[in-house]
Amino acid sequence: MKKRARLQADQVLHSLARAAKTPEQYQVRLQSQQVSQTASRTAETPEQRQSRLQEDQAYHRVTRADETPIKHVARLLGLRKQRNVAITLK
């Protein structure tokens, strides 16, 4: 329980710190993350890539299974904004 409370407190602090950043600082952070992510992904083997993708799929499957109908609609609206995807309800 203590670990969970500490993680939640850290998450709040990071969220506040991110909210206080300027758009320029935000862009620099995103570009930095993208560079390091691209570098690590180019160095990974096909087996590592497959493993990473399977972990991502499992995480997203659990997240979608847990979502309420309202969260489902909100997620689809977000996707629609990103990709102009048609919305279908569960």
C-alpha atoms as a PDB file:
ATOM      1  CA  MET A   1       0.000   0.000   0.000  1.00  0.00           C
ATOM      2  CA  LYS A   2       2.805   2.425   0.844  1.00  0.00           C
ATOM      3  CA  LYS A   3       4.422   1.782  -2.509  1.00  0.00           C
ATOM      4  CA  ARG A   4       1.148   2.464  -4.331  1.00  0.00           C
ATOM      5  CA  ALA A   5       0.630   5.731  -2.418  1.00  0.00           C
ATOM      6  CA  ARG A   6       4.197   6.794  -3.186  1.00  0.00           C
ATOM      7  CA  LEU A   7       3.766   5.979  -6.877  1.00  0.00           C
ATOM      8  CA  GLN A   8       0.518   7.943  -7.015  1.00  0.00           C
ATOM      9  CA  ALA A   9       2.167  10.922  -5.301  1.00  0.00           C
ATOM     10  CA  ASP A  10       5.042  10.765  -7.792  1.00  0.00           C
ATOM     11  CA  GLN A  11       2.551  10.611 -10.640  1.00  0.00           C
ATOM     12  CA  VAL A  12       0.787  13.738  -9.369  1.00  0.00           C
ATOM     13  CA  LEU A  13       4.084  15.601  -9.051  1.00  0.00           C
ATOM     14  CA  HIS A  14       5.121  14.627 -12.576  1.00  0.00           C
ATOM     15  CA  SER A  15       1.720  15.653 -13.937  1.00  0.00           C
ATOM     16  CA  LEU A  16       1.977  19.047 -12.263  1.00  0.00           C
ATOM     17  CA  ALA A  17       5.516  19.530 -13.534  1.00  0.00           C
ATOM     18  CA  ARG A  18       4.443  18.670 -17.070  1.00  0.00           C
ATOM     19  CA  ALA A  19       1.456  21.001 -16.880  1.00  0.00           C
ATOM     20  CA  ALA A  20       3.746  23.868 -15.873  1.00  0.00           C
ATOM     21  CA  LYS A  21       6.007  23.444 -18.912  1.00  0.00           C
ATOM     22  CA  THR A  22       5.826  25.780 -21.867  1.00  0.00           C
ATOM     23  CA  PRO A  23       4.849  24.397 -25.293  1.00  0.00           C
ATOM     24  CA  GLU A  24       8.487  24.712 -26.366  1.00  0.00           C
ATOM     25  CA  GLN A  25       9.695  22.685 -23.374  1.00  0.00           C
ATOM     26  CA  TYR A  26       7.003  20.111 -24.118  1.00  0.00           C
ATOM     27  CA  GLN A  27       8.173  19.780 -27.738  1.00  0.00           C
ATOM     28  CA  VAL A  28      11.803  19.410 -26.647  1.00  0.00           C
ATOM     29  CA  ARG A  29      10.825  16.637 -24.209  1.00  0.00           C
ATOM     30  CA  LEU A  30       8.812  14.810 -26.872  1.00  0.00           C
ATOM     31  CA  GLN A  31      11.630  15.067 -29.412  1.00  0.00           C
ATOM     32  CA  SER A  32      14.134  13.805 -26.858  1.00  0.00           C
ATOM     33  CA  GLN A  33      11.902  10.833 -26.029  1.00  0.00           C
ATOM     34  CA  GLN A  34      11.403  10.095 -29.712  1.00  0.00           C
ATOM     35  CA  VAL A  35      15.148  10.109 -30.400  1.00  0.00           C
ATOM     36  CA  SER A  36      15.925   7.738 -27.526  1.00  0.00           C
ATOM     37  CA  GLN A  37      12.993   5.470 -28.408  1.00  0.00           C
ATOM     38  CA  THR A  38      14.041   5.309 -32.064  1.00  0.00           C
ATOM     39  CA  ALA A  39      17.623   4.507 -31.070  1.00  0.00           C
ATOM     40  CA  SER A  40      16.588   1.676 -28.758  1.00  0.00           C
ATOM     41  CA  ARG A  41      14.151   0.246 -31.291  1.00  0.00           C
ATOM     42  CA  THR A  42      16.690   0.179 -34.119  1.00  0.00           C
ATOM     43  CA  ALA A  43      19.046  -1.787 -31.855  1.00  0.00           C
ATOM     44  CA  GLU A  44      16.470  -4.428 -30.868  1.00  0.00           C
ATOM     45  CA  THR A  45      16.398  -7.901 -32.393  1.00  0.00           C
ATOM     46  CA  PRO A  46      13.289  -9.280 -34.137  1.00  0.00           C
ATOM     47  CA  GLU A  47      12.626 -11.427 -31.046  1.00  0.00           C
ATOM     48  CA  GLN A  48      12.844  -8.392 -28.757  1.00  0.00           C
ATOM     49  CA  ARG A  49      10.527  -6.460 -31.055  1.00  0.00           C
ATOM     50  CA  GLN A  50       8.004  -9.306 -31.057  1.00  0.00           C
ATOM     51  CA  SER A  51       8.172  -9.513 -27.265  1.00  0.00           C
ATOM     52  CA  ARG A  52       7.681  -5.736 -26.897  1.00  0.00           C
ATOM     53  CA  LEU A  53       4.693  -5.755 -29.242  1.00  0.00           C
ATOM     54  CA  GLN A  54       3.113  -8.694 -27.407  1.00  0.00           C
ATOM     55  CA  GLU A  55       3.523  -6.896 -24.071  1.00  0.00           C
ATOM     56  CA  ASP A  56       1.909  -3.780 -25.555  1.00  0.00           C
ATOM     57  CA  GLN A  57      -0.998  -5.822 -26.912  1.00  0.00           C
ATOM     58  CA  ALA A  58      -1.562  -7.530 -23.562  1.00  0.00           C
ATOM     59  CA  TYR A  59      -1.504  -4.195 -21.724  1.00  0.00           C
ATOM     60  CA  HIS A  60      -3.991  -2.616 -24.123  1.00  0.00           C
ATOM     61  CA  ARG A  61      -6.248  -5.684 -24.017  1.00  0.00           C
ATOM     62  CA  VAL A  62      -6.444  -5.453 -20.212  1.00  0.00           C
ATOM     63  CA  THR A  63      -7.055  -1.709 -20.358  1.00  0.00           C
ATOM     64  CA  ARG A  64      -9.881  -2.063 -22.894  1.00  0.00           C
ATOM     65  CA  ALA A  65     -11.481  -4.911 -20.939  1.00  0.00           C
ATOM     66  CA  ASP A  66     -11.516  -2.691 -17.845  1.00  0.00           C
ATOM     67  CA  GLU A  67     -13.068   0.387 -19.452  1.00  0.00           C
ATOM     68  CA  THR A  68     -16.616   1.535 -18.772  1.00  0.00           C
ATOM     69  CA  PRO A  69     -18.985   2.405 -21.640  1.00  0.00           C
ATOM     70  CA  ILE A  70     -18.277   6.105 -21.036  1.00  0.00           C
ATOM     71  CA  LYS A  71     -14.507   5.546 -21.135  1.00  0.00           C
ATOM     72  CA  HIS A  72     -15.010   3.478 -24.288  1.00  0.00           C
ATOM     73  CA  VAL A  73     -16.787   6.355 -26.039  1.00  0.00           C
ATOM     74  CA  ALA A  74     -14.167   8.836 -24.818  1.00  0.00           C
ATOM     75  CA  ARG A  75     -11.367   6.624 -26.154  1.00  0.00           C
ATOM     76  CA  LEU A  76     -13.093   6.269 -29.508  1.00  0.00           C
ATOM     77  CA  LEU A  77     -13.672  10.020 -29.713  1.00  0.00           C
ATOM     78  CA  GLY A  78      -9.954  10.506 -29.132  1.00  0.00           C
ATOM     79  CA  LEU A  79      -9.168   8.011 -31.887  1.00  0.00           C
ATOM     80  CA  ARG A  80     -11.622   9.711 -34.178  1.00  0.00           C
ATOM     81  CA  LYS A  81      -9.858  13.022 -33.655  1.00  0.00           C
ATOM     82  CA  GLN A  82      -6.534  11.360 -34.439  1.00  0.00           C
ATOM     83  CA  ARG A  83      -7.548   9.292 -37.439  1.00  0.00           C
ATOM     84  CA  ASN A  84     -11.113  10.160 -38.386  1.00  0.00           C
ATOM     85  CA  VAL A  85     -12.328   6.660 -37.361  1.00  0.00           C
ATOM     86  CA  ALA A  86     -16.030   5.798 -37.358  1.00  0.00           C
ATOM     87  CA  ILE A  87     -17.410   5.279 -33.838  1.00  0.00           C
ATOM     88  CA  THR A  88     -19.207   2.054 -32.951  1.00  0.00           C
ATOM     89  CA  LEU A  89     -20.531   1.437 -29.454  1.00  0.00           C
ATOM     90  CA  LYS A  90     -20.133  -1.816 -27.537  1.00  0.00           C
END
